[in-house]
All heavy atoms as atom14 arrays in JSON, in Angstrom:
{
  "sequence": "AGLAFARLWGVNPVAGARYRSHAEARAFVRSFG",
  "atom14_mask": [
    [1, 1, 1, 1, 1, 0, 0, 0, 0, 0, 0, 0, 0, 0],
    [1, 1, 1, 1, 0, 0, 0, 0, 0, 0, 0, 0, 0, 0],
    [1, 1, 1, 1, 1, 1, 1, 1, 0, 0, 0, 0, 0, 0],
    [1, 1, 1, 1, 1, 0, 0, 0, 0, 0, 0, 0, 0, 0],
    [1, 1, 1, 1, 1, 1, 1, 1, 1, 1, 1, 0, 0, 0],
    [1, 1, 1, 1, 1, 0, 0, 0, 0, 0, 0, 0, 0, 0],
    [1, 1, 1, 1, 1, 1, 1, 1, 1, 1, 1, 0, 0, 0],
    [1, 1, 1, 1, 1, 1, 1, 1, 0, 0, 0, 0, 0, 0],
    [1, 1, 1, 1, 1, 1, 1, 1, 1, 1, 1, 1, 1, 1],
    [1, 1, 1, 1, 0, 0, 0, 0, 0, 0, 0, 0, 0, 0],
    [1, 1, 1, 1, 1, 1, 1, 0, 0, 0, 0, 0, 0, 0],
    [1, 1, 1, 1, 1, 1, 1, 1, 0, 0, 0, 0, 0, 0],
    [1, 1, 1, 1, 1, 1, 1, 0, 0, 0, 0, 0, 0, 0],
    [1, 1, 1, 1, 1, 1, 1, 0, 0, 0, 0, 0, 0, 0],
    [1, 1, 1, 1, 1, 0, 0, 0, 0, 0, 0, 0, 0, 0],
    [1, 1, 1, 1, 0, 0, 0, 0, 0, 0, 0, 0, 0, 0],
    [1, 1, 1, 1, 1, 0, 0, 0, 0, 0, 0, 0, 0, 0],
    [1, 1, 1, 1, 1, 1, 1, 1, 1, 1, 1, 0, 0, 0],
    [1, 1, 1, 1, 1, 1, 1, 1, 1, 1, 1, 1, 0, 0],
    [1, 1, 1, 1, 1, 1, 1, 1, 1, 1, 1, 0, 0, 0],
    [1, 1, 1, 1, 1, 1, 0, 0, 0, 0, 0, 0, 0, 0],
    [1, 1, 1, 1, 1, 1, 1, 1, 1, 1, 0, 0, 0, 0],
    [1, 1, 1, 1, 1, 0, 0, 0, 0, 0, 0, 0, 0, 0],
    [1, 1, 1, 1, 1, 1, 1, 1, 1, 0, 0, 0, 0, 0],
    [1, 1, 1, 1, 1, 0, 0, 0, 0, 0, 0, 0, 0, 0],
    [1, 1, 1, 1, 1, 1, 1, 1, 1, 1, 1, 0, 0, 0],
    [1, 1, 1, 1, 1, 0, 0, 0, 0, 0, 0, 0, 0, 0],
    [1, 1, 1, 1, 1, 1, 1, 1, 1, 1, 1, 0, 0, 0],
    [1, 1, 1, 1, 1, 1, 1, 0, 0, 0, 0, 0, 0, 0],
    [1, 1, 1, 1, 1, 1, 1, 1, 1, 1, 1, 0, 0, 0],
    [1, 1, 1, 1, 1, 1, 0, 0, 0, 0, 0, 0, 0, 0],
    [1, 1, 1, 1, 1, 1, 1, 1, 1, 1, 1, 0, 0, 0],
    [1, 1, 1, 1, 0, 0, 0, 0, 0, 0, 0, 0, 0, 0]
  ],
  "atom14_positions": [
    [[-39.12, -67.91, -78.13], [-39.64, -69.28, -78.42], [-41.08, -69.15, -78.94], [-41.49, -69.8, -79.87], [-39.54, -70.2, -77.26], [0.0, 0.0, 0.0], [0.0, 0.0, 0.0], [0.0, 0.0, 0.0], [0.0, 0.0, 0.0], [0.0, 0.0, 0.0], [0.0, 0.0, 0.0], [0.0, 0.0, 0.0], [0.0, 0.0, 0.0], [0.0, 0.0, 0.0]],
    [[-41.86, -68.27, -78.26], [-43.27, -68.06, -78.68], [-43.31, -67.43, -80.05], [-44.2, -67.85, -80.79], [0.0, 0.0, 0.0], [0.0, 0.0, 0.0], [0.0, 0.0, 0.0], [0.0, 0.0, 0.0], [0.0, 0.0, 0.0], [0.0, 0.0, 0.0], [0.0, 0.0, 0.0], [0.0, 0.0, 0.0], [0.0, 0.0, 0.0], [0.0, 0.0, 0.0]],
    [[-42.48, -66.5, -80.33], [-42.44, -65.88, -81.72], [-42.05, -66.89, -82.76], [-42.63, -66.88, -83.85], [-41.54, -64.67, -81.69], [-42.03, -63.45, -80.87], [-40.89, -62.46, -80.75], [-43.25, -62.83, -81.44], [0.0, 0.0, 0.0], [0.0, 0.0, 0.0], [0.0, 0.0, 0.0], [0.0, 0.0, 0.0], [0.0, 0.0, 0.0], [0.0, 0.0, 0.0]],
    [[-41.08, -67.68, -82.5], [-40.65, -68.74, -83.45], [-41.78, -69.75, -83.65], [-42.08, -70.11, -84.82], [-39.38, -69.43, -82.93], [0.0, 0.0, 0.0], [0.0, 0.0, 0.0], [0.0, 0.0, 0.0], [0.0, 0.0, 0.0], [0.0, 0.0, 0.0], [0.0, 0.0, 0.0], [0.0, 0.0, 0.0], [0.0, 0.0, 0.0], [0.0, 0.0, 0.0]],
    [[-42.46, -70.18, -82.62], [-43.58, -71.06, -82.74], [-44.65, -70.41, -83.57], [-45.29, -71.09, -84.46], [-44.11, -71.43, -81.37], [-45.16, -72.47, -81.29], [-44.79, -73.85, -81.41], [-46.48, -72.19, -81.22], [-45.78, -74.84, -81.36], [-47.44, -73.14, -81.18], [-47.06, -74.48, -81.28], [0.0, 0.0, 0.0], [0.0, 0.0, 0.0], [0.0, 0.0, 0.0]],
    [[-44.94, -69.14, -83.34], [-45.98, -68.41, -84.07], [-45.63, -68.3, -85.55], [-46.52, -68.36, -86.42], [-46.27, -67.02, -83.51], [0.0, 0.0, 0.0], [0.0, 0.0, 0.0], [0.0, 0.0, 0.0], [0.0, 0.0, 0.0], [0.0, 0.0, 0.0], [0.0, 0.0, 0.0], [0.0, 0.0, 0.0], [0.0, 0.0, 0.0], [0.0, 0.0, 0.0]],
    [[-44.31, -68.25, -85.89], [-43.94, -68.15, -87.29], [-44.37, -69.43, -87.97], [-44.71, -69.46, -89.16], [-42.39, -68.06, -87.46], [-41.87, -66.73, -87.42], [-40.35, -66.73, -87.64], [-39.86, -65.37, -87.66], [-39.75, -64.65, -88.76], [-40.02, -65.1, -89.92], [-39.3, -63.41, -88.66], [0.0, 0.0, 0.0], [0.0, 0.0, 0.0], [0.0, 0.0, 0.0]],
    [[-44.33, -70.55, -87.28], [-44.67, -71.83, -87.88], [-46.14, -72.11, -87.85], [-46.71, -72.67, -88.82], [-43.97, -73.0, -87.1], [-42.47, -73.0, -87.21], [-41.86, -74.01, -86.2], [-42.02, -73.37, -88.62], [0.0, 0.0, 0.0], [0.0, 0.0, 0.0], [0.0, 0.0, 0.0], [0.0, 0.0, 0.0], [0.0, 0.0, 0.0], [0.0, 0.0, 0.0]],
    [[-46.83, -71.74, -86.75], [-48.23, -72.2, -86.59], [-49.26, -71.08, -86.38], [-50.48, -71.38, -86.24], [-48.31, -73.2, -85.37], [-47.22, -74.23, -85.48], [-46.17, -74.38, -84.63], [-47.07, -75.23, -86.47], [-45.38, -75.49, -85.06], [-45.93, -75.97, -86.12], [-47.84, -75.58, -87.59], [-45.53, -77.08, -86.92], [-47.4, -76.64, -88.35], [-46.25, -77.38, -88.05]],
    [[-48.82, -69.81, -86.27], [-49.73, -68.73, -86.11], [-50.26, -68.53, -84.75], [-51.26, -67.81, -84.54], [0.0, 0.0, 0.0], [0.0, 0.0, 0.0], [0.0, 0.0, 0.0], [0.0, 0.0, 0.0], [0.0, 0.0, 0.0], [0.0, 0.0, 0.0], [0.0, 0.0, 0.0], [0.0, 0.0, 0.0], [0.0, 0.0, 0.0], [0.0, 0.0, 0.0]],
    [[-49.7, -69.22, -83.74], [-50.15, -69.15, -82.37], [-48.94, -68.89, -81.48], [-47.96, -69.55, -81.57], [-50.84, -70.46, -81.93], [-51.18, -70.41, -80.48], [-51.98, -70.86, -82.83], [0.0, 0.0, 0.0], [0.0, 0.0, 0.0], [0.0, 0.0, 0.0], [0.0, 0.0, 0.0], [0.0, 0.0, 0.0], [0.0, 0.0, 0.0], [0.0, 0.0, 0.0]],
    [[-49.09, -67.83, -80.66], [-47.99, -67.57, -79.69], [-48.52, -67.8, -78.3], [-49.17, -66.95, -77.7], [-47.57, -66.1, -79.81], [-46.35, -65.78, -78.96], [-46.01, -66.47, -78.03], [-45.69, -64.65, -79.2], [0.0, 0.0, 0.0], [0.0, 0.0, 0.0], [0.0, 0.0, 0.0], [0.0, 0.0, 0.0], [0.0, 0.0, 0.0], [0.0, 0.0, 0.0]],
    [[-48.13, -68.89, -77.7], [-48.62, -69.34, -76.39], [-48.13, -68.45, -75.26], [-48.7, -68.45, -74.15], [-48.2, -70.77, -76.22], [-47.01, -70.91, -77.11], [-47.27, -69.99, -78.28], [0.0, 0.0, 0.0], [0.0, 0.0, 0.0], [0.0, 0.0, 0.0], [0.0, 0.0, 0.0], [0.0, 0.0, 0.0], [0.0, 0.0, 0.0], [0.0, 0.0, 0.0]],
    [[-47.07, -67.63, -75.49], [-46.56, -66.8, -74.4], [-46.81, -65.35, -74.62], [-46.27, -64.47, -73.97], [-45.05, -67.07, -74.14], [-44.75, -68.44, -73.63], [-44.23, -66.76, -75.37], [0.0, 0.0, 0.0], [0.0, 0.0, 0.0], [0.0, 0.0, 0.0], [0.0, 0.0, 0.0], [0.0, 0.0, 0.0], [0.0, 0.0, 0.0], [0.0, 0.0, 0.0]],
    [[-47.71, -65.03, -75.53], [-47.99, -63.62, -75.88], [-48.49, -62.82, -74.66], [-48.25, -61.63, -74.54], [-49.02, -63.49, -77.04], [0.0, 0.0, 0.0], [0.0, 0.0, 0.0], [0.0, 0.0, 0.0], [0.0, 0.0, 0.0], [0.0, 0.0, 0.0], [0.0, 0.0, 0.0], [0.0, 0.0, 0.0], [0.0, 0.0, 0.0], [0.0, 0.0, 0.0]],
    [[-49.2, -63.51, -73.74], [-49.75, -62.8, -72.58], [-48.78, -62.77, -71.39], [-49.19, -62.2, -70.36], [0.0, 0.0, 0.0], [0.0, 0.0, 0.0], [0.0, 0.0, 0.0], [0.0, 0.0, 0.0], [0.0, 0.0, 0.0], [0.0, 0.0, 0.0], [0.0, 0.0, 0.0], [0.0, 0.0, 0.0], [0.0, 0.0, 0.0], [0.0, 0.0, 0.0]],
    [[-47.61, -63.3, -71.52], [-46.66, -63.22, -70.32], [-46.19, -61.76, -70.14], [-45.62, -61.19, -71.08], [-45.51, -64.17, -70.62], [0.0, 0.0, 0.0], [0.0, 0.0, 0.0], [0.0, 0.0, 0.0], [0.0, 0.0, 0.0], [0.0, 0.0, 0.0], [0.0, 0.0, 0.0], [0.0, 0.0, 0.0], [0.0, 0.0, 0.0], [0.0, 0.0, 0.0]],
    [[-46.4, -61.27, -68.98], [-46.03, -59.89, -68.7], [-45.02, -59.82, -67.55], [-45.33, -60.09, -66.42], [-47.31, -59.06, -68.31], [-48.36, -59.03, -69.39], [-47.96, -58.09, -70.51], [-49.06, -57.99, -71.46], [-49.0, -58.55, -72.66], [-47.97, -59.14, -73.09], [-50.0, -58.44, -73.49], [0.0, 0.0, 0.0], [0.0, 0.0, 0.0], [0.0, 0.0, 0.0]],
    [[-43.82, -59.46, -67.89], [-42.74, -59.24, -66.89], [-41.6, -58.48, -67.53], [-41.51, -58.46, -68.71], [-42.23, -60.59, -66.31], [-41.79, -61.57, -67.38], [-40.48, -61.54, -67.92], [-42.7, -62.51, -67.96], [-40.08, -62.38, -68.91], [-42.25, -63.39, -68.91], [-41.01, -63.29, -69.38], [-40.63, -64.21, -70.39], [0.0, 0.0, 0.0], [0.0, 0.0, 0.0]],
    [[-40.8, -57.79, -66.67], [-39.7, -57.01, -67.21], [-38.33, -57.27, -66.6], [-37.38, -56.64, -66.86], [-40.02, -55.53, -67.01], [-41.24, -55.08, -67.77], [-41.52, -53.58, -67.52], [-41.55, -53.22, -66.15], [-42.62, -53.27, -65.27], [-43.77, -53.65, -65.78], [-42.51, -52.95, -64.05], [0.0, 0.0, 0.0], [0.0, 0.0, 0.0], [0.0, 0.0, 0.0]],
    [[-38.32, -58.3, -65.73], [-37.1, -58.71, -65.08], [-37.14, -60.16, -64.67], [-38.21, -60.82, -64.75], [-36.83, -57.9, -63.8], [-37.81, -58.22, -62.82], [0.0, 0.0, 0.0], [0.0, 0.0, 0.0], [0.0, 0.0, 0.0], [0.0, 0.0, 0.0], [0.0, 0.0, 0.0], [0.0, 0.0, 0.0], [0.0, 0.0, 0.0], [0.0, 0.0, 0.0]],
    [[-35.98, -60.72, -64.35], [-35.94, -62.12, -63.88], [-36.84, -62.29, -62.63], [-37.55, -63.29, -62.47], [-34.54, -62.65, -63.63], [-33.75, -62.78, -64.82], [-34.05, -63.63, -65.88], [-32.6, -62.16, -65.27], [-33.16, -63.53, -66.87], [-32.25, -62.65, -66.49], [0.0, 0.0, 0.0], [0.0, 0.0, 0.0], [0.0, 0.0, 0.0], [0.0, 0.0, 0.0]],
    [[-36.76, -61.3, -61.74], [-37.63, -61.39, -60.54], [-39.13, -61.41, -60.86], [-39.86, -62.2, -60.32], [-37.33, -60.25, -59.59], [0.0, 0.0, 0.0], [0.0, 0.0, 0.0], [0.0, 0.0, 0.0], [0.0, 0.0, 0.0], [0.0, 0.0, 0.0], [0.0, 0.0, 0.0], [0.0, 0.0, 0.0], [0.0, 0.0, 0.0], [0.0, 0.0, 0.0]],
    [[-39.52, -60.56, -61.82], [-40.91, -60.54, -62.25], [-41.33, -61.82, -63.0], [-42.41, -62.34, -62.85], [-41.2, -59.33, -63.16], [-41.24, -58.05, -62.4], [-41.55, -56.85, -63.24], [-41.98, -57.0, -64.39], [-41.38, -55.69, -62.77], [0.0, 0.0, 0.0], [0.0, 0.0, 0.0], [0.0, 0.0, 0.0], [0.0, 0.0, 0.0], [0.0, 0.0, 0.0]],
    [[-40.35, -62.4, -63.75], [-40.6, -63.67, -64.45], [-40.82, -64.78, -63.39], [-41.76, -65.58, -63.55], [-39.42, -64.01, -65.35], [0.0, 0.0, 0.0], [0.0, 0.0, 0.0], [0.0, 0.0, 0.0], [0.0, 0.0, 0.0], [0.0, 0.0, 0.0], [0.0, 0.0, 0.0], [0.0, 0.0, 0.0], [0.0, 0.0, 0.0], [0.0, 0.0, 0.0]],
    [[-39.98, -64.79, -62.37], [-40.2, -65.8, -61.31], [-41.58, -65.62, -60.62], [-42.24, -66.61, -60.34], [-39.04, -65.74, -60.27], [-37.77, -66.39, -60.82], [-36.73, -66.49, -59.64], [-36.15, -65.25, -59.29], [-35.11, -64.61, -59.92], [-34.55, -65.27, -60.95], [-34.66, -63.52, -59.5], [0.0, 0.0, 0.0], [0.0, 0.0, 0.0], [0.0, 0.0, 0.0]],
    [[-41.92, -64.42, -60.34], [-43.19, -64.13, -59.69], [-44.35, -64.55, -60.67], [-45.4, -65.11, -60.21], [-43.33, -62.65, -59.33], [0.0, 0.0, 0.0], [0.0, 0.0, 0.0], [0.0, 0.0, 0.0], [0.0, 0.0, 0.0], [0.0, 0.0, 0.0], [0.0, 0.0, 0.0], [0.0, 0.0, 0.0], [0.0, 0.0, 0.0], [0.0, 0.0, 0.0]],
    [[-44.21, -64.26, -61.96], [-45.24, -64.69, -62.9], [-45.38, -66.25, -62.87], [-46.53, -66.72, -62.83], [-44.84, -64.2, -64.33], [-45.8, -64.62, -65.42], [-47.03, -63.94, -65.56], [-45.53, -65.61, -66.27], [-47.92, -64.28, -66.57], [-46.41, -65.99, -67.28], [-47.58, -65.33, -67.41], [0.0, 0.0, 0.0], [0.0, 0.0, 0.0], [0.0, 0.0, 0.0]],
    [[-44.27, -66.94, -62.91], [-44.33, -68.38, -62.87], [-44.94, -68.86, -61.55], [-45.78, -69.77, -61.58], [-42.94, -68.99, -63.14], [-42.91, -70.47, -62.84], [-42.51, -68.68, -64.55], [0.0, 0.0, 0.0], [0.0, 0.0, 0.0], [0.0, 0.0, 0.0], [0.0, 0.0, 0.0], [0.0, 0.0, 0.0], [0.0, 0.0, 0.0], [0.0, 0.0, 0.0]],
    [[-44.54, -68.27, -60.44], [-45.08, -68.7, -59.12], [-46.57, -68.44, -59.07], [-47.29, -69.21, -58.35], [-44.37, -67.9, -58.04], [-43.08, -68.52, -57.53], [-42.59, -67.91, -56.23], [-42.55, -66.52, -56.19], [-41.5, -65.75, -56.59], [-40.44, -66.35, -57.0], [-41.57, -64.47, -56.49], [0.0, 0.0, 0.0], [0.0, 0.0, 0.0], [0.0, 0.0, 0.0]],
    [[-47.07, -67.47, -59.76], [-48.51, -67.11, -59.69], [-49.37, -68.32, -60.25], [-50.53, -68.45, -59.9], [-48.85, -65.83, -60.45], [-48.78, -66.02, -61.85], [0.0, 0.0, 0.0], [0.0, 0.0, 0.0], [0.0, 0.0, 0.0], [0.0, 0.0, 0.0], [0.0, 0.0, 0.0], [0.0, 0.0, 0.0], [0.0, 0.0, 0.0], [0.0, 0.0, 0.0]],
    [[-48.71, -69.18, -61.02], [-49.38, -70.37, -61.56], [-49.15, -71.58, -60.68], [-49.69, -72.66, -60.91], [-48.91, -70.67, -62.96], [-49.43, -69.71, -64.01], [-48.75, -68.58, -64.29], [-50.56, -69.98, -64.75], [-49.2, -67.66, -65.28], [-51.08, -69.09, -65.64], [-50.38, -67.93, -65.95], [0.0, 0.0, 0.0], [0.0, 0.0, 0.0], [0.0, 0.0, 0.0]],
    [[-48.24, -71.47, -59.73], [-47.82, -72.61, -58.96], [-46.58, -73.27, -59.35], [-46.31, -74.4, -58.94], [0.0, 0.0, 0.0], [0.0, 0.0, 0.0], [0.0, 0.0, 0.0], [0.0, 0.0, 0.0], [0.0, 0.0, 0.0], [0.0, 0.0, 0.0], [0.0, 0.0, 0.0], [0.0, 0.0, 0.0], [0.0, 0.0, 0.0], [0.0, 0.0, 0.0]]
  ]
}
């Protein structure tokens, strides 16, 4: 979704998201609340 958005507008809002599994994705999201 971030790459598709960047194709249109030159900005990727999820470029900094760092995770390699669903568990890490959940932890990344939890780190923001």
